[in-house]
C-alpha atoms as a PDB file:
ATOM      1  CA  MET A   1      -5.583 -67.720 -25.500  1.00  0.00           C
ATOM      2  CA  THR A   2      -3.994 -65.511 -28.128  1.00  0.00           C
ATOM      3  CA  GLU A   3      -0.530 -66.214 -29.372  1.00  0.00           C
ATOM      4  CA  MET A   4       2.064 -63.503 -29.311  1.00  0.00           C
ATOM      5  CA  ASN A   5       3.480 -62.447 -32.623  1.00  0.00           C
ATOM      6  CA  PRO A   6       7.288 -62.623 -32.270  1.00  0.00           C
ATOM      7  CA  ASP A   7       7.731 -60.026 -35.040  1.00  0.00           C
ATOM      8  CA  LYS A   8       5.639 -57.423 -33.267  1.00  0.00           C
ATOM      9  CA  PRO A   9       7.513 -55.579 -30.511  1.00  0.00           C
ATOM     10  CA  ARG A  10       5.988 -55.928 -27.072  1.00  0.00           C
ATOM     11  CA  ARG A  11       4.544 -52.823 -25.603  1.00  0.00           C
ATOM     12  CA  ARG A  12       6.373 -51.888 -22.476  1.00  0.00           C
ATOM     13  CA  TRP A  13       5.104 -49.536 -19.831  1.00  0.00           C
ATOM     14  CA  HIS A  14       7.639 -47.075 -18.633  1.00  0.00           C
ATOM     15  CA  ARG A  15       7.289 -44.768 -15.733  1.00  0.00           C
ATOM     16  CA  LYS A  16       8.026 -41.190 -16.462  1.00  0.00           C
ATOM     17  CA  GLU A  17      11.102 -40.001 -14.706  1.00  0.00           C
ATOM     18  CA  ALA A  18      10.035 -37.782 -11.872  1.00  0.00           C
ATOM     19  CA  LYS A  19      11.607 -34.375 -11.797  1.00  0.00           C
ATOM     20  CA  PRO A  20      13.820 -34.048  -8.778  1.00  0.00           C
ATOM     21  CA  LYS A  21      12.129 -31.861  -6.196  1.00  0.00           C
ATOM     22  CA  GLU A  22      13.875 -28.653  -5.390  1.00  0.00           C
ATOM     23  CA  LYS A  23      15.205 -28.711  -1.880  1.00  0.00           C
ATOM     24  CA  PRO A  24      13.819 -25.917   0.250  1.00  0.00           C
ATOM     25  CA  VAL A  25      16.142 -23.048   1.039  1.00  0.00           C
ATOM     26  CA  TYR A  26      15.620 -22.286   4.707  1.00  0.00           C
ATOM     27  CA  PHE A  27      18.053 -19.376   5.142  1.00  0.00           C
ATOM     28  CA  PRO A  28      18.625 -16.213   3.112  1.00  0.00           C
ATOM     29  CA  GLU A  29      22.075 -15.667   1.636  1.00  0.00           C
ATOM     30  CA  ASN A  30      22.163 -12.060   2.824  1.00  0.00           C
ATOM     31  CA  HIS A  31      20.764 -10.176   5.798  1.00  0.00           C
ATOM     32  CA  LEU A  32      17.044  -9.424   5.424  1.00  0.00           C
ATOM     33  CA  ASN A  33      16.098  -5.793   6.057  1.00  0.00           C
ATOM     34  CA  ASP A  34      12.741  -6.002   4.303  1.00  0.00           C
ATOM     35  CA  PHE A  35      10.423  -9.019   4.470  1.00  0.00           C
ATOM     36  CA  VAL A  36       6.960 -10.294   5.335  1.00  0.00           C
ATOM     37  CA  ALA A  37       6.293 -12.652   8.233  1.00  0.00           C
ATOM     38  CA  ILE A  38       3.217 -14.768   7.527  1.00  0.00           C
ATOM     39  CA  ASP A  39       1.137 -17.251   9.464  1.00  0.00           C
ATOM     40  CA  PHE A  40      -1.999 -19.203   8.617  1.00  0.00           C
ATOM     41  CA  GLU A  41      -4.342 -21.112  10.895  1.00  0.00           C
ATOM     42  CA  ALA A  42      -6.247 -23.968   9.261  1.00  0.00           C
ATOM     43  CA  ALA A  43      -9.741 -25.345   9.802  1.00  0.00           C
ATOM     44  CA  ASN A  44      -8.836 -28.901   8.777  1.00  0.00           C
ATOM     45  CA  ALA A  45      -6.075 -30.902   7.076  1.00  0.00           C
ATOM     46  CA  ALA A  46      -6.543 -29.384   3.599  1.00  0.00           C
ATOM     47  CA  PHE A  47      -3.997 -26.732   2.623  1.00  0.00           C
ATOM     48  CA  THR A  48      -6.863 -24.623   1.241  1.00  0.00           C
ATOM     49  CA  SER A  49      -8.627 -24.630   4.620  1.00  0.00           C
ATOM     50  CA  ALA A  50      -6.920 -21.526   5.995  1.00  0.00           C
ATOM     51  CA  CYS A  51      -9.376 -19.766   8.287  1.00  0.00           C
ATOM     52  CA  SER A  52      -7.137 -16.867   9.345  1.00  0.00           C
ATOM     53  CA  MET A  53      -4.068 -15.088   8.065  1.00  0.00           C
ATOM     54  CA  GLY A  54      -1.615 -12.848   9.870  1.00  0.00           C
ATOM     55  CA  LEU A  55       0.976 -10.704   8.089  1.00  0.00           C
ATOM     56  CA  VAL A  56       3.684  -8.495   9.539  1.00  0.00           C
ATOM     57  CA  ILE A  57       5.624  -6.318   7.116  1.00  0.00           C
ATOM     58  CA  VAL A  58       9.172  -5.337   8.064  1.00  0.00           C
ATOM     59  CA  ARG A  59      11.089  -2.551   6.323  1.00  0.00           C
ATOM     60  CA  ASP A  60      14.583  -1.435   7.308  1.00  0.00           C
ATOM     61  CA  ASN A  61      14.449  -3.961  10.153  1.00  0.00           C
ATOM     62  CA  GLU A  62      11.362  -2.267  11.698  1.00  0.00           C
ATOM     63  CA  ILE A  63       7.799  -3.560  11.845  1.00  0.00           C
ATOM     64  CA  VAL A  64       5.817  -1.078   9.762  1.00  0.00           C
ATOM     65  CA  GLU A  65       2.508  -2.839   9.215  1.00  0.00           C
ATOM     66  CA  ARG A  66       0.339  -5.594  10.678  1.00  0.00           C
ATOM     67  CA  TYR A  67      -2.594  -7.285   8.984  1.00  0.00           C
ATOM     68  CA  TYR A  68      -5.036  -9.890  10.299  1.00  0.00           C
ATOM     69  CA  GLY A  69      -8.094 -11.398   8.716  1.00  0.00           C
ATOM     70  CA  LEU A  70     -10.493 -14.272   9.135  1.00  0.00           C
ATOM     71  CA  MET A  71     -11.474 -16.113   5.954  1.00  0.00           C
ATOM     72  CA  LYS A  72     -13.908 -18.787   4.904  1.00  0.00           C
ATOM     73  CA  PRO A  73     -11.968 -22.067   4.574  1.00  0.00           C
ATOM     74  CA  VAL A  74     -12.196 -24.542   1.706  1.00  0.00           C
ATOM     75  CA  PRO A  75     -13.595 -27.064   2.482  1.00  0.00           C
ATOM     76  CA  ASN A  76     -15.732 -25.224   4.981  1.00  0.00           C
ATOM     77  CA  HIS A  77     -15.604 -27.582   7.940  1.00  0.00           C
ATOM     78  CA  TYR A  78     -13.594 -27.524  11.139  1.00  0.00           C
ATOM     79  CA  ASP A  79     -11.778 -30.435  12.731  1.00  0.00           C
ATOM     80  CA  TRP A  80     -12.323 -30.318  16.492  1.00  0.00           C
ATOM     81  CA  TYR A  81      -8.587 -30.428  17.194  1.00  0.00           C
ATOM     82  CA  ASN A  82      -7.819 -27.449  14.967  1.00  0.00           C
ATOM     83  CA  SER A  83     -10.537 -25.411  16.684  1.00  0.00           C
ATOM     84  CA  LYS A  84      -9.173 -26.487  20.057  1.00  0.00           C
ATOM     85  CA  VAL A  85      -5.712 -25.180  19.096  1.00  0.00           C
ATOM     86  CA  HIS A  86      -6.636 -21.791  17.607  1.00  0.00           C
ATOM     87  CA  GLY A  87     -10.136 -21.237  18.981  1.00  0.00           C
ATOM     88  CA  ILE A  88     -11.744 -20.420  15.616  1.00  0.00           C
ATOM     89  CA  LYS A  89     -15.041 -22.146  14.835  1.00  0.00           C
ATOM     90  CA  LYS A  90     -17.253 -22.361  11.761  1.00  0.00           C
ATOM     91  CA  ALA A  91     -19.599 -19.697  13.160  1.00  0.00           C
ATOM     92  CA  ASP A  92     -16.651 -17.266  13.287  1.00  0.00           C
ATOM     93  CA  THR A  93     -15.972 -17.527   9.558  1.00  0.00           C
ATOM     94  CA  GLU A  94     -19.431 -18.283   8.159  1.00  0.00           C
ATOM     95  CA  LYS A  95     -19.757 -14.709   6.864  1.00  0.00           C
ATOM     96  CA  ALA A  96     -16.020 -14.069   6.463  1.00  0.00           C
ATOM     97  CA  PRO A  97     -14.583 -13.197   3.060  1.00  0.00           C
ATOM     98  CA  THR A  98     -12.687 -15.724   0.982  1.00  0.00           C
ATOM     99  CA  PHE A  99      -8.930 -15.632   0.456  1.00  0.00           C
ATOM    100  CA  PRO A 100      -8.977 -13.527  -2.769  1.00  0.00           C
ATOM    101  CA  TYR A 101     -10.586 -10.622  -0.921  1.00  0.00           C
ATOM    102  CA  LEU A 102      -7.983 -10.730   1.871  1.00  0.00           C
ATOM    103  CA  TRP A 103      -5.089 -11.170  -0.536  1.00  0.00           C
ATOM    104  CA  ASP A 104      -6.270  -8.227  -2.592  1.00  0.00           C
ATOM    105  CA  GLN A 105      -5.862  -6.058   0.546  1.00  0.00           C
ATOM    106  CA  VAL A 106      -2.156  -6.936   0.934  1.00  0.00           C
ATOM    107  CA  LYS A 107      -0.729  -8.159  -2.382  1.00  0.00           C
ATOM    108  CA  ASP A 108       0.650  -4.769  -3.444  1.00  0.00           C
ATOM    109  CA  ARG A 109       2.279  -4.261  -0.035  1.00  0.00           C
ATOM    110  CA  VAL A 110       4.098  -7.606  -0.124  1.00  0.00           C
ATOM    111  CA  GLU A 111       5.095  -7.521  -3.774  1.00  0.00           C
ATOM    112  CA  GLY A 112       8.782  -8.308  -4.241  1.00  0.00           C
ATOM    113  CA  LEU A 113       9.379  -9.092  -0.576  1.00  0.00           C
ATOM    114  CA  PRO A 114      10.578 -12.474   0.712  1.00  0.00           C
ATOM    115  CA  PHE A 115       8.423 -14.291   3.251  1.00  0.00           C
ATOM    116  CA  VAL A 116       9.447 -15.806   6.567  1.00  0.00           C
ATOM    117  CA  ALA A 117       7.443 -18.302   8.588  1.00  0.00           C
ATOM    118  CA  HIS A 118       8.094 -20.529  11.578  1.00  0.00           C
ATOM    119  CA  GLY A 119       7.812 -23.917   9.919  1.00  0.00           C
ATOM    120  CA  MET A 120       7.749 -22.354   6.479  1.00  0.00           C
ATOM    121  CA  LEU A 121       6.752 -25.427   4.485  1.00  0.00           C
ATOM    122  CA  PHE A 122       3.211 -25.372   5.904  1.00  0.00           C
ATOM    123  CA  ASP A 123       2.621 -21.663   5.248  1.00  0.00           C
ATOM    124  CA  GLN A 124       4.267 -21.868   1.835  1.00  0.00           C
ATOM    125  CA  HIS A 125       2.023 -24.803   0.847  1.00  0.00           C
ATOM    126  CA  VAL A 126      -1.069 -22.987   2.106  1.00  0.00           C
ATOM    127  CA  LEU A 127      -0.261 -19.801   0.188  1.00  0.00           C
ATOM    128  CA  ARG A 128       0.466 -21.722  -3.016  1.00  0.00           C
ATOM    129  CA  ALA A 129      -2.641 -23.939  -2.642  1.00  0.00           C
ATOM    130  CA  LEU A 130      -4.904 -20.920  -2.129  1.00  0.00           C
ATOM    131  CA  HIS A 131      -3.454 -19.189  -5.177  1.00  0.00           C
ATOM    132  CA  GLU A 132      -4.005 -22.341  -7.255  1.00  0.00           C
ATOM    133  CA  TYR A 133      -7.512 -22.971  -5.944  1.00  0.00           C
ATOM    134  CA  TYR A 134      -8.650 -19.430  -6.702  1.00  0.00           C
ATOM    135  CA  LYS A 135      -6.638 -19.252  -9.951  1.00  0.00           C
ATOM    136  CA  ILE A 136      -4.544 -16.313  -8.762  1.00  0.00           C
ATOM    137  CA  PRO A 137      -1.108 -16.155 -10.442  1.00  0.00           C
ATOM    138  CA  TYR A 138       1.550 -17.261  -7.966  1.00  0.00           C
ATOM    139  CA  PRO A 139       4.822 -15.348  -8.399  1.00  0.00           C
ATOM    140  CA  ASN A 140       6.925 -18.043  -6.699  1.00  0.00           C
ATOM    141  CA  TYR A 141       7.486 -16.140  -3.483  1.00  0.00           C
ATOM    142  CA  LYS A 142      10.757 -16.792  -1.674  1.00  0.00           C
ATOM    143  CA  PHE A 143      10.275 -18.302   1.775  1.00  0.00           C
ATOM    144  CA  TYR A 144      12.707 -18.647   4.673  1.00  0.00           C
ATOM    145  CA  CYS A 145      12.215 -20.567   7.896  1.00  0.00           C
ATOM    146  CA  THR A 146      12.735 -19.109  11.369  1.00  0.00           C
ATOM    147  CA  HIS A 147      12.286 -22.564  12.918  1.00  0.00           C
ATOM    148  CA  GLU A 148      15.186 -24.039  10.945  1.00  0.00           C
ATOM    149  CA  GLY A 149      17.106 -20.774  11.391  1.00  0.00           C
ATOM    150  CA  SER A 150      16.718 -20.892  15.161  1.00  0.00           C
ATOM    151  CA  LYS A 151      17.935 -24.498  15.244  1.00  0.00           C
ATOM    152  CA  LYS A 152      21.018 -23.486  13.259  1.00  0.00           C
ATOM    153  CA  TYR A 153      21.854 -20.213  15.011  1.00  0.00           C
ATOM    154  CA  LEU A 154      20.579 -20.995  18.526  1.00  0.00           C
ATOM    155  CA  PRO A 155      21.376 -24.687  18.976  1.00  0.00           C
ATOM    156  CA  ASP A 156      21.484 -24.483  22.775  1.00  0.00           C
ATOM    157  CA  LEU A 157      17.872 -23.366  23.323  1.00  0.00           C
ATOM    158  CA  GLU A 158      15.735 -25.856  25.253  1.00  0.00           C
ATOM    159  CA  ASN A 159      13.524 -26.168  22.124  1.00  0.00           C
ATOM    160  CA  HIS A 160      12.837 -24.196  18.962  1.00  0.00           C
ATOM    161  CA  LYS A 161       9.107 -23.658  19.314  1.00  0.00           C
ATOM    162  CA  LEU A 162       7.824 -20.253  18.282  1.00  0.00           C
ATOM    163  CA  HIS A 163       7.044 -19.013  21.795  1.00  0.00           C
ATOM    164  CA  THR A 164      10.407 -20.232  23.159  1.00  0.00           C
ATOM    165  CA  VAL A 165      12.519 -18.573  20.459  1.00  0.00           C
ATOM    166  CA  SER A 166      10.547 -15.318  20.409  1.00  0.00           C
ATOM    167  CA  LYS A 167      10.788 -15.101  24.216  1.00  0.00           C
ATOM    168  CA  TYR A 168      14.566 -15.486  23.908  1.00  0.00           C
ATOM    169  CA  PHE A 169      14.503 -12.284  21.829  1.00  0.00           C
ATOM    170  CA  GLY A 170      12.219 -10.476  24.291  1.00  0.00           C
ATOM    171  CA  TYR A 171       8.850 -10.978  22.598  1.00  0.00           C
ATOM    172  CA  GLU A 172       6.181 -12.375  24.930  1.00  0.00           C
ATOM    173  CA  MET A 173       3.391 -14.032  22.969  1.00  0.00           C
ATOM    174  CA  LYS A 174      -0.002 -13.157  24.401  1.00  0.00           C
ATOM    175  CA  HIS A 175      -2.171 -15.181  22.004  1.00  0.00           C
ATOM    176  CA  HIS A 176      -0.199 -18.146  20.661  1.00  0.00           C
ATOM    177  CA  HIS A 177      -1.957 -19.654  17.615  1.00  0.00           C
ATOM    178  CA  ASN A 178      -3.515 -16.332  16.733  1.00  0.00           C
ATOM    179  CA  ALA A 179      -2.154 -15.821  13.211  1.00  0.00           C
ATOM    180  CA  LEU A 180      -1.141 -12.199  13.832  1.00  0.00           C
ATOM    181  CA  ASP A 181       0.616 -12.898  17.137  1.00  0.00           C
ATOM    182  CA  ASP A 182       2.421 -15.851  15.551  1.00  0.00           C
ATOM    183  CA  ALA A 183       3.449 -13.741  12.535  1.00  0.00           C
ATOM    184  CA  GLU A 184       4.761 -10.966  14.790  1.00  0.00           C
ATOM    185  CA  ALA A 185       6.759 -13.433  16.903  1.00  0.00           C
ATOM    186  CA  CYS A 186       8.195 -14.838  13.683  1.00  0.00           C
ATOM    187  CA  ALA A 187       9.101 -11.326  12.491  1.00  0.00           C
ATOM    188  CA  VAL A 188      10.967 -10.621  15.736  1.00  0.00           C
ATOM    189  CA  ILE A 189      12.934 -13.859  15.371  1.00  0.00           C
ATOM    190  CA  ALA A 190      13.757 -13.139  11.729  1.00  0.00           C
ATOM    191  CA  MET A 191      14.963  -9.603  12.538  1.00  0.00           C
ATOM    192  CA  ASN A 192      17.410 -11.148  14.993  1.00  0.00           C
ATOM    193  CA  ILE A 193      18.685 -14.192  13.082  1.00  0.00           C
ATOM    194  CA  PHE A 194      18.333 -13.236   9.417  1.00  0.00           C
END
C-alpha cells in the first residue's frame, strides 16, 4: 500500500458544468405568413432512420408547393411497428436516394423560412441528425409546434392529435402517417393558429 504524500495536493475529479439546454420555443412571436410544414416517417428508433419526408411550403398564407420523397434510412432496417404505422417497408426504399439528394431538391426553396411540425421536437431532431450524419451544414432552422399550439389555442378539443385538429379546420386526412398528408395537415393548422 502506498502512503499519501501530505504535501502533494490530491487530484480531484470535477464534472464539467453542463450547459443549460435551451428551452424549445413552440410558438412564433408574430403571425406566420411564410413557412414550411415538415414531416418525417422513420424506419426505426434512430433519428437518422427517416424513410420518407413530406414538405409543404406556404407563402402569403397559401400552400404554394408540396414535396414528397422516399429515402434510404440509416441504419437501413425497419422495425415492424414503424412499418405497421406508415406502411413503408425495406423493399420500398432499397433503391431510394439518400437524404442529401432529397434535401438538395428543396434546400433553396426553404432557405430562410421557419418550419412547423406537429410534435416538432421529433422532426427537428431528425432534420438535425440527418444534417450531422451527412455533414451538411445546419443553419439552425427555427421550428414551431402545431401540437403545442393547438393545446394552447384550442384547449377544448377532445384531443390534439394531428387528424383531430386538422379536421377542426376542415382538412380531412386521407392517408394519415403519409409524410406529405401529415405535412399538409400541419400546414393547415399552422395557417389557422400561427
